[in-house]
Amino acid sequence: MPPPKPKCPLRRLAIRLFGEIGRKIRRIFVLGVALQWLGIGLCVHDFILEAQKISDPYRFPPHGFWFGIGFIIAGFFMITYNYVRWLLWRS
């Protein structure tokens, strides 16, 4: 007998994308990966703005790099926490 269909639309999407492994993916893992990608995007965006020659010298200086680093570190800790919980569950 197949397992019941989940109510959460994101869980159903994960099952469609990853198959049965999608049932076991935790939300904190997905959020950690999303935060890391957001942080990488902010860092790259900040680098591109700094590398371009902007004609307005009075523009607000972008601080996206520091926010990006913060998001990357937060995502890393979330993924590591999820992995440690999984290791403790396995033993």
PDB file of N, CA and C in Angstrom:
ATOM      1  N   MET A   1       0.833  -1.170   0.000  1.00  0.00           N
ATOM      2  CA  MET A   1       0.000   0.000   0.000  1.00  0.00           C
ATOM      3  C   MET A   1       0.889   1.249   0.000  1.00  0.00           C
ATOM      4  N   PRO A   2       0.663   2.181  -0.933  1.00  0.00           N
ATOM      5  CA  PRO A   2       1.508   3.377  -1.000  1.00  0.00           C
ATOM      6  C   PRO A   2       1.228   4.316   0.169  1.00  0.00           C
ATOM      7  N   PRO A   3       2.233   5.112   0.547  1.00  0.00           N
ATOM      8  CA  PRO A   3       2.023   6.074   1.638  1.00  0.00           C
ATOM      9  C   PRO A   3       1.028   7.156   1.212  1.00  0.00           C
ATOM     10  N   PRO A   4       0.383   7.802   2.173  1.00  0.00           N
ATOM     11  CA  PRO A   4      -0.606   8.830   1.824  1.00  0.00           C
ATOM     12  C   PRO A   4       0.052  10.041   1.164  1.00  0.00           C
ATOM     13  N   LYS A   5      -0.722  10.702   0.326  1.00  0.00           N
ATOM     14  CA  LYS A   5      -0.229  11.893  -0.360  1.00  0.00           C
ATOM     15  C   LYS A   5      -0.116  13.038   0.650  1.00  0.00           C
ATOM     16  N   PRO A   6       1.042  13.713   0.718  1.00  0.00           N
ATOM     17  CA  PRO A   6       1.201  14.789   1.703  1.00  0.00           C
ATOM     18  C   PRO A   6       0.351  16.011   1.352  1.00  0.00           C
ATOM     19  N   LYS A   7      -0.018  16.768   2.374  1.00  0.00           N
ATOM     20  CA  LYS A   7      -0.830  17.967   2.179  1.00  0.00           C
ATOM     21  C   LYS A   7       0.006  19.163   1.730  1.00  0.00           C
ATOM     22  N   CYS A   8       1.269  19.184   2.121  1.00  0.00           N
ATOM     23  CA  CYS A   8       2.146  20.323   1.826  1.00  0.00           C
ATOM     24  C   CYS A   8       2.523  20.325   0.339  1.00  0.00           C
ATOM     25  N   PRO A   9       2.295  21.435  -0.383  1.00  0.00           N
ATOM     26  CA  PRO A   9       2.645  21.461  -1.804  1.00  0.00           C
ATOM     27  C   PRO A   9       4.153  21.389  -2.046  1.00  0.00           C
ATOM     28  N   LEU A  10       4.959  21.932  -1.134  1.00  0.00           N
ATOM     29  CA  LEU A  10       6.411  21.847  -1.315  1.00  0.00           C
ATOM     30  C   LEU A  10       6.912  20.419  -1.130  1.00  0.00           C
ATOM     31  N   ARG A  11       6.286  19.678  -0.218  1.00  0.00           N
ATOM     32  CA  ARG A  11       6.661  18.278  -0.026  1.00  0.00           C
ATOM     33  C   ARG A  11       6.301  17.468  -1.275  1.00  0.00           C
ATOM     34  N   ARG A  12       5.133  17.749  -1.864  1.00  0.00           N
ATOM     35  CA  ARG A  12       4.748  17.057  -3.101  1.00  0.00           C
ATOM     36  C   ARG A  12       5.717  17.378  -4.227  1.00  0.00           C
ATOM     37  N   LEU A  13       6.178  18.640  -4.296  1.00  0.00           N
ATOM     38  CA  LEU A  13       7.162  19.019  -5.305  1.00  0.00           C
ATOM     39  C   LEU A  13       8.476  18.283  -5.078  1.00  0.00           C
ATOM     40  N   ALA A  14       8.900  18.171  -3.819  1.00  0.00           N
ATOM     41  CA  ALA A  14      10.138  17.445  -3.508  1.00  0.00           C
ATOM     42  C   ALA A  14      10.017  15.978  -3.902  1.00  0.00           C
ATOM     43  N   ILE A  15       8.846  15.390  -3.701  1.00  0.00           N
ATOM     44  CA  ILE A  15       8.654  13.985  -4.075  1.00  0.00           C
ATOM     45  C   ILE A  15       8.698  13.837  -5.586  1.00  0.00           C
ATOM     46  N   ARG A  16       8.127  14.798  -6.315  1.00  0.00           N
ATOM     47  CA  ARG A  16       8.183  14.727  -7.779  1.00  0.00           C
ATOM     48  C   ARG A  16       9.609  14.881  -8.294  1.00  0.00           C
ATOM     49  N   LEU A  17      10.371  15.776  -7.668  1.00  0.00           N
ATOM     50  CA  LEU A  17      11.736  16.028  -8.139  1.00  0.00           C
ATOM     51  C   LEU A  17      12.710  14.924  -7.740  1.00  0.00           C
ATOM     52  N   PHE A  18      12.630  14.460  -6.499  1.00  0.00           N
ATOM     53  CA  PHE A  18      13.638  13.546  -5.972  1.00  0.00           C
ATOM     54  C   PHE A  18      13.129  12.139  -5.716  1.00  0.00           C
ATOM     55  N   GLY A  19      11.877  11.876  -5.998  1.00  0.00           N
ATOM     56  CA  GLY A  19      11.337  10.537  -5.764  1.00  0.00           C
ATOM     57  C   GLY A  19      11.066  10.304  -4.289  1.00  0.00           C
ATOM     58  N   GLU A  20      11.279   9.080  -3.848  1.00  0.00           N
ATOM     59  CA  GLU A  20      10.981   8.725  -2.454  1.00  0.00           C
ATOM     60  C   GLU A  20      11.911   9.417  -1.462  1.00  0.00           C
ATOM     61  N   ILE A  21      13.077   9.845  -1.912  1.00  0.00           N
ATOM     62  CA  ILE A  21      13.982  10.582  -1.021  1.00  0.00           C
ATOM     63  C   ILE A  21      13.358  11.923  -0.636  1.00  0.00           C
ATOM     64  N   GLY A  22      12.497  12.455  -1.498  1.00  0.00           N
ATOM     65  CA  GLY A  22      11.818  13.714  -1.202  1.00  0.00           C
ATOM     66  C   GLY A  22      10.950  13.653   0.036  1.00  0.00           C
ATOM     67  N   ARG A  23      10.529  12.450   0.429  1.00  0.00           N
ATOM     68  CA  ARG A  23       9.738  12.310   1.655  1.00  0.00           C
ATOM     69  C   ARG A  23      10.601  12.501   2.897  1.00  0.00           C
ATOM     70  N   LYS A  24      11.903  12.272   2.778  1.00  0.00           N
ATOM     71  CA  LYS A  24      12.789  12.311   3.945  1.00  0.00           C
ATOM     72  C   LYS A  24      13.569  13.617   4.076  1.00  0.00           C
ATOM     73  N   ILE A  25      13.502  14.484   3.067  1.00  0.00           N
ATOM     74  CA  ILE A  25      14.239  15.747   3.129  1.00  0.00           C
ATOM     75  C   ILE A  25      13.589  16.650   4.172  1.00  0.00           C
ATOM     76  N   ARG A  26      14.404  17.183   5.066  1.00  0.00           N
ATOM     77  CA  ARG A  26      13.878  18.062   6.113  1.00  0.00           C
ATOM     78  C   ARG A  26      13.831  19.500   5.622  1.00  0.00           C
ATOM     79  N   ARG A  27      12.925  20.251   6.195  1.00  0.00           N
ATOM     80  CA  ARG A  27      12.758  21.651   5.796  1.00  0.00           C
ATOM     81  C   ARG A  27      13.977  22.490   6.155  1.00  0.00           C
ATOM     82  N   ILE A  28      14.636  22.170   7.253  1.00  0.00           N
ATOM     83  CA  ILE A  28      15.795  22.951   7.671  1.00  0.00           C
ATOM     84  C   ILE A  28      16.945  22.776   6.668  1.00  0.00           C
ATOM     85  N   PHE A  29      17.041  21.603   6.047  1.00  0.00           N
ATOM     86  CA  PHE A  29      18.066  21.385   5.029  1.00  0.00           C
ATOM     87  C   PHE A  29      17.789  22.247   3.801  1.00  0.00           C
ATOM     88  N   VAL A  30      16.552  22.263   3.358  1.00  0.00           N
ATOM     89  CA  VAL A  30      16.184  23.063   2.184  1.00  0.00           C
ATOM     90  C   VAL A  30      16.393  24.545   2.471  1.00  0.00           C
ATOM     91  N   LEU A  31      16.014  24.994   3.664  1.00  0.00           N
ATOM     92  CA  LEU A  31      16.204  26.393   4.030  1.00  0.00           C
ATOM     93  C   LEU A  31      17.694  26.744   4.105  1.00  0.00           C
ATOM     94  N   GLY A  32      18.517  25.836   4.619  1.00  0.00           N
ATOM     95  CA  GLY A  32      19.957  26.079   4.681  1.00  0.00           C
ATOM     96  C   GLY A  32      20.580  26.205   3.304  1.00  0.00           C
ATOM     97  N   VAL A  33      20.185  25.339   2.384  1.00  0.00           N
ATOM     98  CA  VAL A  33      20.707  25.418   1.014  1.00  0.00           C
ATOM     99  C   VAL A  33      20.246  26.715   0.351  1.00  0.00           C
ATOM    100  N   ALA A  34      18.976  27.079   0.554  1.00  0.00           N
ATOM    101  CA  ALA A  34      18.463  28.321  -0.030  1.00  0.00           C
ATOM    102  C   ALA A  34      19.201  29.539   0.533  1.00  0.00           C
ATOM    103  N   LEU A  35      19.488  29.540   1.833  1.00  0.00           N
ATOM    104  CA  LEU A  35      20.231  30.657   2.424  1.00  0.00           C
ATOM    105  C   LEU A  35      21.645  30.741   1.860  1.00  0.00           C
ATOM    106  N   GLN A  36      22.278  29.602   1.649  1.00  0.00           N
ATOM    107  CA  GLN A  36      23.621  29.630   1.084  1.00  0.00           C
ATOM    108  C   GLN A  36      23.610  30.193  -0.334  1.00  0.00           C
ATOM    109  N   TRP A  37      22.651  29.784  -1.144  1.00  0.00           N
ATOM    110  CA  TRP A  37      22.577  30.306  -2.509  1.00  0.00           C
ATOM    111  C   TRP A  37      22.235  31.794  -2.508  1.00  0.00           C
ATOM    112  N   LEU A  38      21.375  32.223  -1.602  1.00  0.00           N
ATOM    113  CA  LEU A  38      21.071  33.645  -1.487  1.00  0.00           C
ATOM    114  C   LEU A  38      22.324  34.427  -1.098  1.00  0.00           C
ATOM    115  N   GLY A  39      23.101  33.893  -0.176  1.00  0.00           N
ATOM    116  CA  GLY A  39      24.338  34.550   0.230  1.00  0.00           C
ATOM    117  C   GLY A  39      25.349  34.629  -0.898  1.00  0.00           C
ATOM    118  N   ILE A  40      25.468  33.562  -1.668  1.00  0.00           N
ATOM    119  CA  ILE A  40      26.385  33.577  -2.817  1.00  0.00           C
ATOM    120  C   ILE A  40      25.933  34.623  -3.825  1.00  0.00           C
ATOM    121  N   GLY A  41      24.627  34.683  -4.062  1.00  0.00           N
ATOM    122  CA  GLY A  41      24.101  35.681  -4.993  1.00  0.00           C
ATOM    123  C   GLY A  41      24.366  37.101  -4.526  1.00  0.00           C
ATOM    124  N   LEU A  42      24.188  37.362  -3.234  1.00  0.00           N
ATOM    125  CA  LEU A  42      24.462  38.699  -2.706  1.00  0.00           C
ATOM    126  C   LEU A  42      25.939  39.055  -2.822  1.00  0.00           C
ATOM    127  N   CYS A  43      26.814  38.103  -2.549  1.00  0.00           N
ATOM    128  CA  CYS A  43      28.258  38.372  -2.651  1.00  0.00           C
ATOM    129  C   CYS A  43      28.665  38.660  -4.094  1.00  0.00           C
ATOM    130  N   VAL A  44      28.141  37.875  -5.025  1.00  0.00           N
ATOM    131  CA  VAL A  44      28.470  38.097  -6.437  1.00  0.00           C
ATOM    132  C   VAL A  44      27.905  39.439  -6.903  1.00  0.00           C
ATOM    133  N   HIS A  45      26.683  39.751  -6.496  1.00  0.00           N
ATOM    134  CA  HIS A  45      26.078  41.024  -6.870  1.00  0.00           C
ATOM    135  C   HIS A  45      26.894  42.192  -6.329  1.00  0.00           C
ATOM    136  N   ASP A  46      27.343  42.105  -5.093  1.00  0.00           N
ATOM    137  CA  ASP A  46      28.146  43.164  -4.500  1.00  0.00           C
ATOM    138  C   ASP A  46      29.484  43.297  -5.221  1.00  0.00           C
ATOM    139  N   PHE A  47      30.088  42.174  -5.581  1.00  0.00           N
ATOM    140  CA  PHE A  47      31.360  42.225  -6.300  1.00  0.00           C
ATOM    141  C   PHE A  47      31.194  42.886  -7.663  1.00  0.00           C
ATOM    142  N   ILE A  48      30.109  42.552  -8.362  1.00  0.00           N
ATOM    143  CA  ILE A  48      29.883  43.150  -9.679  1.00  0.00           C
ATOM    144  C   ILE A  48      29.665  44.657  -9.548  1.00  0.00           C
ATOM    145  N   LEU A  49      28.914  45.079  -8.534  1.00  0.00           N
ATOM    146  CA  LEU A  49      28.715  46.519  -8.334  1.00  0.00           C
ATOM    147  C   LEU A  49      30.029  47.225  -8.012  1.00  0.00           C
ATOM    148  N   GLU A  50      30.886  46.584  -7.239  1.00  0.00           N
ATOM    149  CA  GLU A  50      32.169  47.202  -6.901  1.00  0.00           C
ATOM    150  C   GLU A  50      33.114  47.216  -8.094  1.00  0.00           C
ATOM    151  N   ALA A  51      32.998  46.233  -8.975  1.00  0.00           N
ATOM    152  CA  ALA A  51      33.900  46.156 -10.119  1.00  0.00           C
ATOM    153  C   ALA A  51      33.500  47.125 -11.231  1.00  0.00           C
ATOM    154  N   GLN A  52      32.221  47.495 -11.302  1.00  0.00           N
ATOM    155  CA  GLN A  52      31.773  48.425 -12.333  1.00  0.00           C
ATOM    156  C   GLN A  52      32.135  49.851 -11.944  1.00  0.00           C
ATOM    157  N   LYS A  53      32.320  50.668 -12.958  1.00  0.00           N
ATOM    158  CA  LYS A  53      32.567  52.084 -12.698  1.00  0.00           C
ATOM    159  C   LYS A  53      31.208  52.783 -12.663  1.00  0.00           C
ATOM    160  N   ILE A  54      30.861  53.274 -11.500  1.00  0.00           N
ATOM    161  CA  ILE A  54      29.592  53.964 -11.314  1.00  0.00           C
ATOM    162  C   ILE A  54      29.858  55.469 -11.362  1.00  0.00           C
ATOM    163  N   SER A  55      29.024  56.201 -12.087  1.00  0.00           N
ATOM    164  CA  SER A  55      29.261  57.638 -12.229  1.00  0.00           C
ATOM    165  C   SER A  55      28.804  58.433 -11.007  1.00  0.00           C
ATOM    166  N   ASP A  56      27.945  57.874 -10.172  1.00  0.00           N
ATOM    167  CA  ASP A  56      27.433  58.593  -9.008  1.00  0.00           C
ATOM    168  C   ASP A  56      28.312  58.291  -7.788  1.00  0.00           C
ATOM    169  N   PRO A  57      29.148  59.237  -7.356  1.00  0.00           N
ATOM    170  CA  PRO A  57      30.022  58.952  -6.204  1.00  0.00           C
ATOM    171  C   PRO A  57      29.287  58.988  -4.867  1.00  0.00           C
ATOM    172  N   TYR A  58      28.043  59.491  -4.836  1.00  0.00           N
ATOM    173  CA  TYR A  58      27.311  59.635  -3.583  1.00  0.00           C
ATOM    174  C   TYR A  58      26.288  58.522  -3.368  1.00  0.00           C
ATOM    175  N   ARG A  59      26.405  57.466  -4.114  1.00  0.00           N
ATOM    176  CA  ARG A  59      25.444  56.371  -3.957  1.00  0.00           C
ATOM    177  C   ARG A  59      25.709  55.655  -2.629  1.00  0.00           C
ATOM    178  N   PHE A  60      24.675  54.991  -2.137  1.00  0.00           N
ATOM    179  CA  PHE A  60      24.804  54.242  -0.887  1.00  0.00           C
ATOM    180  C   PHE A  60      25.747  53.069  -1.113  1.00  0.00           C
ATOM    181  N   PRO A  61      26.801  52.944  -0.311  1.00  0.00           N
ATOM    182  CA  PRO A  61      27.740  51.843  -0.549  1.00  0.00           C
ATOM    183  C   PRO A  61      27.076  50.492  -0.280  1.00  0.00           C
ATOM    184  N   PRO A  62      27.226  49.565  -1.175  1.00  0.00           N
ATOM    185  CA  PRO A  62      26.569  48.261  -0.973  1.00  0.00           C
ATOM    186  C   PRO A  62      27.264  47.454   0.120  1.00  0.00           C
ATOM    187  N   HIS A  63      26.479  46.913   0.990  1.00  0.00           N
ATOM    188  CA  HIS A  63      26.997  46.054   2.045  1.00  0.00           C
ATOM    189  C   HIS A  63      26.488  44.638   1.860  1.00  0.00           C
ATOM    190  N   GLY A  64      26.152  44.294   0.641  1.00  0.00           N
ATOM    191  CA  GLY A  64      25.616  42.967   0.365  1.00  0.00           C
ATOM    192  C   GLY A  64      26.608  41.865   0.662  1.00  0.00           C
ATOM    193  N   PHE A  65      27.897  42.184   0.591  1.00  0.00           N
ATOM    194  CA  PHE A  65      28.904  41.162   0.854  1.00  0.00           C
ATOM    195  C   PHE A  65      28.773  40.630   2.274  1.00  0.00           C
ATOM    196  N   TRP A  66      28.605  41.517   3.243  1.00  0.00           N
ATOM    197  CA  TRP A  66      28.541  41.081   4.637  1.00  0.00           C
ATOM    198  C   TRP A  66      27.240  40.350   4.928  1.00  0.00           C
ATOM    199  N   PHE A  67      26.144  40.802   4.339  1.00  0.00           N
ATOM    200  CA  PHE A  67      24.890  40.061   4.483  1.00  0.00           C
ATOM    201  C   PHE A  67      25.013  38.694   3.820  1.00  0.00           C
ATOM    202  N   GLY A  68      25.667  38.661   2.658  1.00  0.00           N
ATOM    203  CA  GLY A  68      25.863  37.393   1.959  1.00  0.00           C
ATOM    204  C   GLY A  68      26.696  36.415   2.770  1.00  0.00           C
ATOM    205  N   ILE A  69      27.778  36.900   3.364  1.00  0.00           N
ATOM    206  CA  ILE A  69      28.606  36.034   4.204  1.00  0.00           C
ATOM    207  C   ILE A  69      27.800  35.526   5.396  1.00  0.00           C
ATOM    208  N   GLY A  70      26.981  36.395   5.982  1.00  0.00           N
ATOM    209  CA  GLY A  70      26.129  35.971   7.101  1.00  0.00           C
ATOM    210  C   GLY A  70      25.149  34.885   6.688  1.00  0.00           C
ATOM    211  N   PHE A  71      24.527  35.041   5.514  1.00  0.00           N
ATOM    212  CA  PHE A  71      23.596  34.020   5.025  1.00  0.00           C
ATOM    213  C   PHE A  71      24.315  32.710   4.733  1.00  0.00           C
ATOM    214  N   ILE A  72      25.510  32.789   4.160  1.00  0.00           N
ATOM    215  CA  ILE A  72      26.270  31.571   3.863  1.00  0.00           C
ATOM    216  C   ILE A  72      26.610  30.833   5.157  1.00  0.00           C
ATOM    217  N   ILE A  73      27.062  31.565   6.167  1.00  0.00           N
ATOM    218  CA  ILE A  73      27.425  30.933   7.440  1.00  0.00           C
ATOM    219  C   ILE A  73      26.191  30.355   8.129  1.00  0.00           C
ATOM    220  N   ALA A  74      25.078  31.098   8.125  1.00  0.00           N
ATOM    221  CA  ALA A  74      23.847  30.590   8.741  1.00  0.00           C
ATOM    222  C   ALA A  74      23.367  29.327   8.028  1.00  0.00           C
ATOM    223  N   GLY A  75      23.406  29.331   6.697  1.00  0.00           N
ATOM    224  CA  GLY A  75      23.009  28.144   5.946  1.00  0.00           C
ATOM    225  C   GLY A  75      23.919  26.963   6.214  1.00  0.00           C
ATOM    226  N   PHE A  76      25.220  27.235   6.338  1.00  0.00           N
ATOM    227  CA  PHE A  76      26.168  26.160   6.633  1.00  0.00           C
ATOM    228  C   PHE A  76      25.869  25.524   7.984  1.00  0.00           C
ATOM    229  N   PHE A  77      25.595  26.359   8.993  1.00  0.00           N
ATOM    230  CA  PHE A  77      25.281  25.811  10.314  1.00  0.00           C
ATOM    231  C   PHE A  77      23.966  25.043  10.312  1.00  0.00           C
ATOM    232  N   MET A  78      22.994  25.497   9.544  1.00  0.00           N
ATOM    233  CA  MET A  78      21.719  24.779   9.473  1.00  0.00           C
ATOM    234  C   MET A  78      21.899  23.408   8.829  1.00  0.00           C
ATOM    235  N   ILE A  79      22.680  23.345   7.754  1.00  0.00           N
ATOM    236  CA  ILE A  79      22.915  22.065   7.083  1.00  0.00           C
ATOM    237  C   ILE A  79      23.735  21.146   7.976  1.00  0.00           C
ATOM    238  N   THR A  80      24.744  21.694   8.660  1.00  0.00           N
ATOM    239  CA  THR A  80      25.559  20.877   9.558  1.00  0.00           C
ATOM    240  C   THR A  80      24.726  20.341  10.713  1.00  0.00           C
ATOM    241  N   TYR A  81      23.852  21.168  11.276  1.00  0.00           N
ATOM    242  CA  TYR A  81      22.966  20.730  12.353  1.00  0.00           C
ATOM    243  C   TYR A  81      22.060  19.596  11.872  1.00  0.00           C
ATOM    244  N   ASN A  82      21.531  19.736  10.673  1.00  0.00           N
ATOM    245  CA  ASN A  82      20.671  18.691  10.117  1.00  0.00           C
ATOM    246  C   ASN A  82      21.452  17.392   9.931  1.00  0.00           C
ATOM    247  N   TYR A  83      22.687  17.494   9.461  1.00  0.00           N
ATOM    248  CA  TYR A  83      23.504  16.305   9.234  1.00  0.00           C
ATOM    249  C   TYR A  83      23.862  15.624  10.559  1.00  0.00           C
ATOM    250  N   VAL A  84      24.198  16.406  11.575  1.00  0.00           N
ATOM    251  CA  VAL A  84      24.528  15.825  12.883  1.00  0.00           C
ATOM    252  C   VAL A  84      23.309  15.134  13.475  1.00  0.00           C
ATOM    253  N   ARG A  85      22.134  15.745  13.351  1.00  0.00           N
ATOM    254  CA  ARG A  85      20.906  15.085  13.823  1.00  0.00           C
ATOM    255  C   ARG A  85      20.687  13.766  13.092  1.00  0.00           C
ATOM    256  N   TRP A  86      20.956  13.759  11.788  1.00  0.00           N
ATOM    257  CA  TRP A  86      20.787  12.533  11.008  1.00  0.00           C
ATOM    258  C   TRP A  86      21.780  11.470  11.470  1.00  0.00           C
ATOM    259  N   LEU A  87      23.030  11.866  11.744  1.00  0.00           N
ATOM    260  CA  LEU A  87      24.029  10.903  12.216  1.00  0.00           C
ATOM    261  C   LEU A  87      23.648  10.336  13.577  1.00  0.00           C
ATOM    262  N   LEU A  88      23.158  11.186  14.475  1.00  0.00           N
ATOM    263  CA  LEU A  88      22.741  10.698  15.789  1.00  0.00           C
ATOM    264  C   LEU A  88      21.535   9.774  15.676  1.00  0.00           C
ATOM    265  N   TRP A  89      20.650  10.049  14.740  1.00  0.00           N
ATOM    266  CA  TRP A  89      19.482   9.195  14.536  1.00  0.00           C
ATOM    267  C   TRP A  89      19.890   7.832  13.988  1.00  0.00           C
ATOM    268  N   ARG A  90      20.924   7.825  13.141  1.00  0.00           N
ATOM    269  CA  ARG A  90      21.376   6.574  12.526  1.00  0.00           C
ATOM    270  C   ARG A  90      22.076   5.663  13.527  1.00  0.00           C
ATOM    271  N   SER A  91      22.703   6.228  14.545  1.00  0.00           N
ATOM    272  CA  SER A  91      23.468   5.396  15.488  1.00  0.00           C
ATOM    273  C   SER A  91      22.634   4.912  16.652  1.00  0.00           C
TER     274      SER A  91
END
